């Protein structure tokens, strides 16, 4: 009964934010981050476009079949989509699934044709199929195009340089929280390639339960483009004991980490990822991540995307929520010394709040409009 009442309150708050003038994007972000995310696909159809600043009154027409003629990506897209059977709900009739696969091919080719600067990569279809299944082909086309030119743009460069750079944030995040795990992984020389498929598919390729996938998409769409790498870090940190019990060699540690558990405590990990982003923002980690191409990454140009929505930035929502949690857990705070960097890092003890409820989030009292000249300094 309490769960149903909480759910009804959340649904009411979401629709109130949607119906306000202007739309309260800050509250929608908070709802997407908080426990349970956006709850239903019906709500996602309404909220996802707002999180991506997509005008649903001006959707592009459905792509035609002529897209497939002389398209350099068609054969690879076709092969990947044909292999995507497990991304569709079990028990779906073959003819329905095959129809959706055809729509999936058309959406991908349409976005690539309209944006020749983007390059297809294997795993892209795992993201597109999630949008297709939730919002349908026409809206999915618009959302995926916006996502591809913003959050996913670095993965769609001609080379993997920017993707590798984003992966370079993983170890500094782990080092800030648990130097023991970091040093063990460094000694094993495992690298970060085990997290590549997590990052470039937003975990869509590696999670078997579609409910968990869309829950993560709620979170990622409401946050900074680097949030998936923070979530990857908290998965590794959550598996601390498994990692440390492993043989300290590359093959063993890579094998362990590349097999992602399906029974993760998603709400707890989402909460921790948000907290870590606030405590150790990208600007603090950039130097350790050997950042030399900041001007070319989506993370460094996220201000352009955020200014388009003229609403409160997602990291502001996270910071407010984190401050609220610190006040609530004042007595459980600890200060951890980190001798190798001669810094003191203040960390709230993680894991004490298992459920991330609405009460754990700071209420955003009003949306904050950003002046056009505002510059968001992601990197130093």
Protein backbone atom coordinates (compact mmCIF):
# COMPACT_ATOMS: atom_id res chain seq x y z
CA UNK A 1 0.00 0.00 0.00
CA UNK A 2 2.83 2.40 0.88
CA UNK A 3 4.59 1.54 -2.39
CA UNK A 4 1.43 2.19 -4.41
CA UNK A 5 0.83 5.48 -2.62
CA UNK A 6 4.43 6.60 -3.24
CA UNK A 7 4.12 5.62 -6.90
CA UNK A 8 0.87 7.58 -7.28
CA UNK A 9 2.49 10.64 -5.73
CA UNK A 10 5.42 10.38 -8.07
CA UNK A 11 3.21 10.02 -11.14
CA UNK A 12 1.22 13.08 -10.04
CA UNK A 13 4.42 15.09 -9.57
CA UNK A 14 5.69 14.09 -13.02
CA UNK A 15 2.48 15.15 -14.73
CA UNK A 16 2.42 18.39 -12.77
CA UNK A 17 5.95 19.13 -14.04
CA UNK A 18 4.90 18.25 -17.60
CA UNK A 19 1.84 20.50 -17.42
CA UNK A 20 3.57 23.52 -15.90
CA UNK A 21 4.42 26.50 -18.10
CA UNK A 22 7.27 26.40 -18.85
CA UNK A 23 7.74 22.66 -18.40
CA UNK A 24 9.63 21.99 -15.17
CA UNK A 25 12.60 20.11 -16.60
CA UNK A 26 14.47 20.25 -13.28
CA UNK A 27 11.72 18.24 -11.58
CA UNK A 28 11.60 15.80 -14.50
CA UNK A 29 15.35 15.25 -14.08
CA UNK A 30 14.87 14.66 -10.38
CA UNK A 31 12.07 12.17 -11.05
CA UNK A 32 14.23 10.31 -13.59
CA UNK A 33 17.11 10.08 -11.10
CA UNK A 34 15.09 9.14 -8.02
CA UNK A 35 14.03 5.63 -7.01
CA UNK A 36 12.17 3.78 -9.75
CA UNK A 37 12.96 6.34 -12.41
CA UNK A 38 10.08 7.28 -14.70
CA UNK A 39 8.08 4.17 -13.77
CA UNK A 40 6.29 3.39 -17.07
CA UNK A 41 6.94 3.54 -20.81
CA UNK A 42 3.87 5.77 -21.18
CA UNK A 43 5.56 8.37 -18.97
CA UNK A 44 8.89 7.89 -20.73
CA UNK A 45 7.23 8.76 -24.06
CA UNK A 46 6.36 12.14 -22.55
CA UNK A 47 9.47 12.83 -20.45
CA UNK A 48 12.38 11.55 -22.55
CA UNK A 49 11.76 14.19 -25.26
CA UNK A 50 11.80 16.92 -22.59
CA UNK A 51 15.10 15.66 -21.15
CA UNK A 52 16.59 15.80 -24.67
CA UNK A 53 14.90 19.08 -25.68
CA UNK A 54 13.12 17.43 -28.61
CA UNK A 55 10.00 19.14 -29.95
CA UNK A 56 7.39 16.40 -30.36
CA UNK A 57 5.19 18.74 -32.44
CA UNK A 58 7.78 18.84 -35.22
CA UNK A 59 8.94 15.25 -35.70
CA UNK A 60 10.73 14.25 -38.90
CA UNK A 61 8.78 12.14 -41.41
CA UNK A 62 9.41 8.40 -41.32
CA UNK A 63 12.42 7.47 -43.45
CA UNK A 64 11.82 5.79 -46.79
CA UNK A 65 13.33 2.56 -48.10
CA UNK A 66 15.53 4.49 -50.56
CA UNK A 67 17.91 4.99 -47.61
CA UNK A 68 19.23 1.49 -48.13
CA UNK A 69 20.39 2.06 -51.70
CA UNK A 70 24.14 2.55 -51.98
CA UNK A 71 24.47 3.13 -48.24
CA UNK A 72 27.96 2.29 -47.01
CA UNK A 73 26.68 1.24 -43.59
CA UNK A 74 23.68 -0.82 -44.67
CA UNK A 75 25.32 -4.27 -44.70
CA UNK A 76 26.93 -3.84 -41.27
CA UNK A 77 23.73 -2.43 -39.77
CA UNK A 78 21.77 -5.31 -41.29
CA UNK A 79 24.13 -7.88 -39.78
CA UNK A 80 24.01 -6.27 -36.32
CA UNK A 81 20.23 -5.93 -36.33
CA UNK A 82 19.78 -9.57 -37.37
CA UNK A 83 21.90 -10.58 -34.38
CA UNK A 84 19.77 -8.51 -32.01
CA UNK A 85 17.09 -11.15 -31.33
CA UNK A 86 17.63 -11.16 -27.57
CA UNK A 87 16.99 -7.41 -27.35
CA UNK A 88 13.32 -8.00 -28.14
CA UNK A 89 10.79 -9.19 -25.54
CA UNK A 90 10.71 -12.99 -25.22
CA UNK A 91 7.63 -14.48 -26.81
CA UNK A 92 7.16 -11.63 -29.30
CA UNK A 93 5.69 -13.04 -32.57
CA UNK A 94 8.28 -13.38 -35.32
CA UNK A 95 6.44 -11.11 -37.76
CA UNK A 96 6.19 -8.33 -35.17
CA UNK A 97 9.87 -8.63 -34.27
CA UNK A 98 10.91 -8.68 -37.92
CA UNK A 99 8.86 -5.53 -38.53
CA UNK A 100 10.59 -3.79 -35.63
CA UNK A 101 13.99 -4.89 -36.94
CA UNK A 102 13.19 -3.26 -40.29
CA UNK A 103 12.22 -0.05 -38.46
CA UNK A 104 15.45 -0.27 -36.47
CA UNK A 105 17.53 -0.41 -39.66
CA UNK A 106 15.68 2.59 -41.12
CA UNK A 107 16.11 4.73 -37.99
CA UNK A 108 19.87 4.09 -37.91
CA UNK A 109 20.36 4.81 -41.60
CA UNK A 110 18.18 7.94 -41.39
CA UNK A 111 20.26 9.43 -38.55
CA UNK A 112 23.52 8.61 -40.33
CA UNK A 113 22.35 10.13 -43.61
CA UNK A 114 21.22 13.35 -41.97
CA UNK A 115 24.45 13.60 -39.99
CA UNK A 116 27.35 12.56 -42.23
CA UNK A 117 29.83 13.57 -39.51
CA UNK A 118 28.62 10.58 -37.45
CA UNK A 119 30.08 7.12 -37.98
CA UNK A 120 28.23 3.92 -37.17
CA UNK A 121 29.73 1.62 -34.53
CA UNK A 122 28.81 -1.89 -33.47
CA UNK A 123 26.66 -1.54 -30.38
CA UNK A 124 24.86 1.60 -31.57
CA UNK A 125 21.86 -0.52 -32.53
CA UNK A 126 21.58 -1.67 -28.89
CA UNK A 127 20.82 1.91 -27.89
CA UNK A 128 18.49 2.59 -30.81
CA UNK A 129 16.40 -0.54 -30.20
CA UNK A 130 15.75 0.58 -26.62
CA UNK A 131 14.22 3.84 -27.85
CA UNK A 132 12.28 2.03 -30.57
CA UNK A 133 10.70 -0.39 -28.09
CA UNK A 134 9.77 2.38 -25.65
CA UNK A 135 8.56 5.27 -27.84
CA UNK A 136 7.96 3.87 -31.34
CA UNK A 137 9.74 4.53 -34.61
CA UNK A 138 8.94 8.18 -35.36
CA UNK A 139 9.71 9.60 -31.93
CA UNK A 140 12.68 7.24 -31.58
CA UNK A 141 14.16 8.70 -34.78
CA UNK A 142 14.09 12.24 -33.33
CA UNK A 143 15.39 11.21 -29.89
CA UNK A 144 18.19 9.07 -31.28
CA UNK A 145 19.30 11.85 -33.63
CA UNK A 146 19.55 14.33 -30.74
CA UNK A 147 21.30 11.75 -28.56
CA UNK A 148 23.74 10.87 -31.35
CA UNK A 149 24.82 14.46 -31.86
CA UNK A 150 25.27 15.03 -28.12
CA UNK A 151 25.73 12.24 -25.53
CA UNK A 152 26.87 9.59 -28.01
CA UNK A 153 28.85 11.78 -30.36
CA UNK A 154 32.26 10.75 -29.08
CA UNK A 155 31.50 7.09 -29.83
CA UNK A 156 30.59 8.07 -33.42
CA UNK A 157 33.88 9.69 -34.35
CA UNK A 158 35.97 8.20 -37.18
CA UNK A 159 38.40 6.82 -34.58
CA UNK A 160 38.01 5.47 -31.05
CA UNK A 161 40.28 8.11 -29.54
CA UNK A 162 37.54 9.94 -27.65
CA UNK A 163 35.89 6.70 -26.57
CA UNK A 164 39.22 5.53 -25.15
CA UNK A 165 39.60 8.86 -23.40
CA UNK A 166 36.21 8.50 -21.70
CA UNK A 167 37.22 5.01 -20.56
CA UNK A 168 40.30 6.66 -19.04
CA UNK A 169 38.05 8.23 -16.39
CA UNK A 170 37.20 4.83 -14.94
CA UNK A 171 40.39 4.16 -13.00
CA UNK A 172 40.70 7.66 -11.46
CA UNK A 173 37.14 7.37 -10.12
CA UNK A 174 37.94 3.96 -8.61
CA UNK A 175 41.20 5.32 -7.20
CA UNK A 176 39.42 8.16 -5.41
CA UNK A 177 37.05 5.77 -3.63
CA UNK A 178 39.07 2.60 -3.15
CA UNK A 179 42.83 2.83 -3.82
CA UNK A 180 43.21 -0.84 -2.89
CA UNK A 181 40.97 -2.00 -5.75
CA UNK A 182 42.61 0.51 -8.08
CA UNK A 183 46.12 -0.72 -7.26
CA UNK A 184 45.08 -4.36 -7.62
CA UNK A 185 43.64 -3.69 -11.07
CA UNK A 186 46.74 -1.74 -12.06
CA UNK A 187 48.96 -4.60 -10.92
CA UNK A 188 46.85 -7.04 -12.95
CA UNK A 189 47.19 -4.71 -15.95
CA UNK A 190 43.54 -5.36 -16.76
CA UNK A 191 42.96 -1.99 -18.41
CA UNK A 192 39.41 -0.74 -19.06
CA UNK A 193 38.36 -2.58 -22.21
CA UNK A 194 36.04 -4.81 -20.15
CA UNK A 195 33.77 -1.76 -19.75
CA UNK A 196 33.72 -0.78 -23.43
CA UNK A 197 30.45 -2.53 -24.29
CA UNK A 198 28.87 -1.13 -21.11
CA UNK A 199 29.75 2.40 -22.09
CA UNK A 200 28.93 2.46 -25.81
CA UNK A 201 25.57 0.69 -25.41
CA UNK A 202 24.58 2.34 -22.12
CA UNK A 203 24.56 -1.20 -20.68
CA UNK A 204 21.84 -2.22 -23.15
CA UNK A 205 23.97 -4.98 -24.63
CA UNK A 206 24.97 -6.60 -21.34
CA UNK A 207 21.79 -6.49 -19.25
CA UNK A 208 19.19 -9.14 -20.02
CA UNK A 209 16.24 -7.55 -18.19
CA UNK A 210 14.73 -4.72 -20.23
CA UNK A 211 13.33 -3.10 -17.08
CA UNK A 212 16.85 -2.50 -15.80
CA UNK A 213 17.97 -1.09 -19.14
CA UNK A 214 15.22 1.55 -19.33
CA UNK A 215 15.76 2.42 -15.66
CA UNK A 216 19.38 3.23 -16.46
CA UNK A 217 18.33 5.19 -19.55
CA UNK A 218 16.09 7.35 -17.35
CA UNK A 219 19.13 8.09 -15.19
CA UNK A 220 21.60 8.70 -18.03
CA UNK A 221 19.22 10.93 -20.01
CA UNK A 222 18.76 13.14 -16.93
CA UNK A 223 22.51 13.48 -16.30
CA UNK A 224 25.87 14.46 -17.73
CA UNK A 225 27.23 12.45 -20.71
CA UNK A 226 29.96 10.95 -18.51
CA UNK A 227 27.50 9.42 -16.02
CA UNK A 228 27.68 5.94 -17.64
CA UNK A 229 31.40 5.76 -16.78
CA UNK A 230 30.62 6.68 -13.16
CA UNK A 231 28.03 3.91 -13.13
CA UNK A 232 30.62 1.50 -14.54
CA UNK A 233 32.95 2.50 -11.70
CA UNK A 234 30.36 1.80 -9.00
CA UNK A 235 29.75 -1.65 -10.45
CA UNK A 236 33.47 -2.43 -10.08
CA UNK A 237 33.53 -0.94 -6.59
CA UNK A 238 30.44 -2.94 -5.60
CA UNK A 239 32.31 -6.11 -6.60
CA UNK A 240 35.36 -5.18 -4.51
CA UNK A 241 35.68 -8.51 -2.73
CA UNK A 242 35.29 -10.55 -5.92
CA UNK A 243 38.00 -8.47 -7.56
CA UNK A 244 40.44 -8.75 -4.67
CA UNK A 245 39.81 -12.52 -4.38
CA UNK A 246 40.68 -12.96 -8.04
CA UNK A 247 44.08 -14.04 -9.36
CA UNK A 248 46.07 -10.87 -9.95
CA UNK A 249 46.55 -11.30 -13.67
CA UNK A 250 44.97 -9.65 -16.68
CA UNK A 251 43.05 -12.66 -18.00
CA UNK A 252 41.43 -13.55 -14.65
CA UNK A 253 40.39 -10.02 -13.70
CA UNK A 254 39.18 -9.21 -17.21
CA UNK A 255 37.08 -12.38 -17.29
CA UNK A 256 35.53 -11.59 -13.91
CA UNK A 257 34.70 -7.97 -14.69
CA UNK A 258 33.43 -8.57 -18.22
CA UNK A 259 30.76 -10.94 -16.85
CA UNK A 260 28.38 -8.37 -15.43
CA UNK A 261 26.02 -9.70 -12.72
CA UNK A 262 22.33 -9.48 -13.58
CA UNK A 263 21.14 -9.09 -9.98
CA UNK A 264 22.81 -5.79 -9.19
CA UNK A 265 21.16 -3.45 -6.64
CA UNK A 266 20.42 -0.90 -9.34
CA UNK A 267 18.83 1.81 -7.19
CA UNK A 268 21.72 1.76 -4.73
CA UNK A 269 24.29 1.91 -7.54
CA UNK A 270 22.44 4.74 -9.29
CA UNK A 271 22.49 6.67 -6.02
CA UNK A 272 26.23 6.05 -5.54
CA UNK A 273 27.06 7.04 -9.12
CA UNK A 274 25.26 10.33 -8.65
CA UNK A 275 27.08 10.94 -5.37
CA UNK A 276 30.48 10.19 -6.91
CA UNK A 277 29.80 12.57 -9.79
CA UNK A 278 29.18 15.34 -7.26
CA UNK A 279 32.20 14.46 -5.10
CA UNK A 280 34.62 13.88 -7.98
CA UNK A 281 33.35 15.83 -11.00
CA UNK A 282 35.00 15.38 -14.41
CA UNK A 283 36.93 18.62 -14.01
CA UNK A 284 38.81 17.15 -11.02
CA UNK A 285 39.57 13.90 -12.83
CA UNK A 286 40.48 15.33 -16.22
CA UNK A 287 44.19 15.61 -15.56
CA UNK A 288 44.41 12.08 -14.22
CA UNK A 289 42.48 10.84 -17.24
CA UNK A 290 45.22 12.30 -19.46
CA UNK A 291 42.82 14.70 -21.09
CA UNK A 292 44.35 16.24 -24.19
CA UNK A 293 41.34 16.42 -26.49
CA UNK A 294 38.79 18.14 -24.24
CA UNK A 295 37.57 20.49 -26.91
CA UNK A 296 36.44 17.55 -29.07
CA UNK A 297 34.46 15.55 -26.54
CA UNK A 298 30.75 15.72 -25.86
CA UNK A 299 31.53 16.22 -22.17
CA UNK A 300 33.26 19.52 -22.89
CA UNK A 301 30.46 20.86 -25.10
CA UNK A 302 27.60 19.70 -22.89
CA UNK A 303 26.93 23.36 -22.04
CA UNK A 304 25.57 23.88 -25.55
CA UNK A 305 23.07 21.09 -25.08
CA UNK A 306 22.12 22.29 -21.62
CA UNK A 307 21.63 25.90 -22.68
CA UNK A 308 19.10 24.73 -25.24
CA UNK A 309 16.77 23.59 -22.48
CA UNK A 310 17.24 26.78 -20.39
CA UNK A 311 16.50 24.75 -17.30
CA UNK A 312 18.44 23.63 -14.28
CA UNK A 313 21.49 21.53 -15.13
CA UNK A 314 21.39 17.86 -14.08
CA UNK A 315 24.56 18.14 -12.05
CA UNK A 316 22.87 20.92 -10.06
CA UNK A 317 20.03 18.52 -9.28
CA UNK A 318 22.57 15.92 -8.20
CA UNK A 319 24.48 18.39 -6.04
CA UNK A 320 21.33 19.52 -4.26
CA UNK A 321 20.31 15.92 -3.68
CA UNK A 322 23.78 15.05 -2.38
CA UNK A 323 23.83 17.99 0.06
CA UNK A 324 20.47 16.87 1.38
CA UNK A 325 21.79 13.35 1.91
CA UNK A 326 24.92 14.59 3.68
CA UNK A 327 22.76 16.55 6.11
CA UNK A 328 20.60 13.47 6.72
CA UNK A 329 23.65 11.24 7.24
CA UNK A 330 25.82 13.73 9.11
CA UNK A 331 26.70 11.28 11.80
CA UNK A 332 27.88 8.64 9.35
CA UNK A 333 30.36 10.80 7.47
CA UNK A 334 33.98 9.75 7.50
CA UNK A 335 37.13 11.44 6.33
CA UNK A 336 39.49 9.18 4.47
CA UNK A 337 43.13 10.11 4.09
CA UNK A 338 44.78 9.40 0.77
CA UNK A 339 48.55 9.57 1.39
CA UNK A 340 49.70 9.07 -2.20
CA UNK A 341 48.03 12.27 -3.33
CA UNK A 342 48.46 14.04 0.02
CA UNK A 343 44.78 14.98 -0.14
CA UNK A 344 41.91 14.44 2.26
CA UNK A 345 38.81 13.21 0.51
CA UNK A 346 35.54 13.58 2.32
CA UNK A 347 33.23 10.64 1.58
CA UNK A 348 29.78 9.91 2.88
CA UNK A 349 29.63 6.29 3.99
CA UNK A 350 27.99 4.43 1.12
CA UNK A 351 25.48 1.67 1.41
CA UNK A 352 23.63 2.91 4.46
CA UNK A 353 20.72 4.15 2.44
CA UNK A 354 19.72 1.14 0.38
CA UNK A 355 16.57 2.61 -1.14
CA UNK A 356 16.85 5.92 -2.92
CA UNK A 357 13.41 7.39 -2.25
CA UNK A 358 11.92 10.72 -3.09
CA UNK A 359 12.80 11.91 0.43
CA UNK A 360 16.49 11.37 -0.32
CA UNK A 361 16.36 13.91 -3.12
CA UNK A 362 16.57 17.62 -2.58
CA UNK A 363 13.44 19.38 -3.71
CA UNK A 364 14.32 21.70 -6.56
CA UNK A 365 12.32 24.77 -5.64
CA UNK A 366 12.54 26.46 -8.98
CA UNK A 367 14.10 25.94 -12.38
CA UNK A 368 17.21 28.00 -12.92
CA UNK A 369 17.50 29.79 -16.24
CA UNK A 370 20.99 30.20 -17.53
CA UNK A 371 22.17 33.37 -19.21
CA UNK A 372 23.28 32.87 -22.84
CA UNK A 373 26.83 33.94 -21.97
CA UNK A 374 27.19 31.39 -19.20
CA UNK A 375 30.18 29.12 -19.69
CA UNK A 376 30.18 25.69 -18.03
CA UNK A 377 33.81 24.84 -17.31
CA UNK A 378 33.84 21.07 -17.43
CA UNK A 379 37.60 20.91 -17.90
CA UNK A 380 40.33 23.14 -16.43
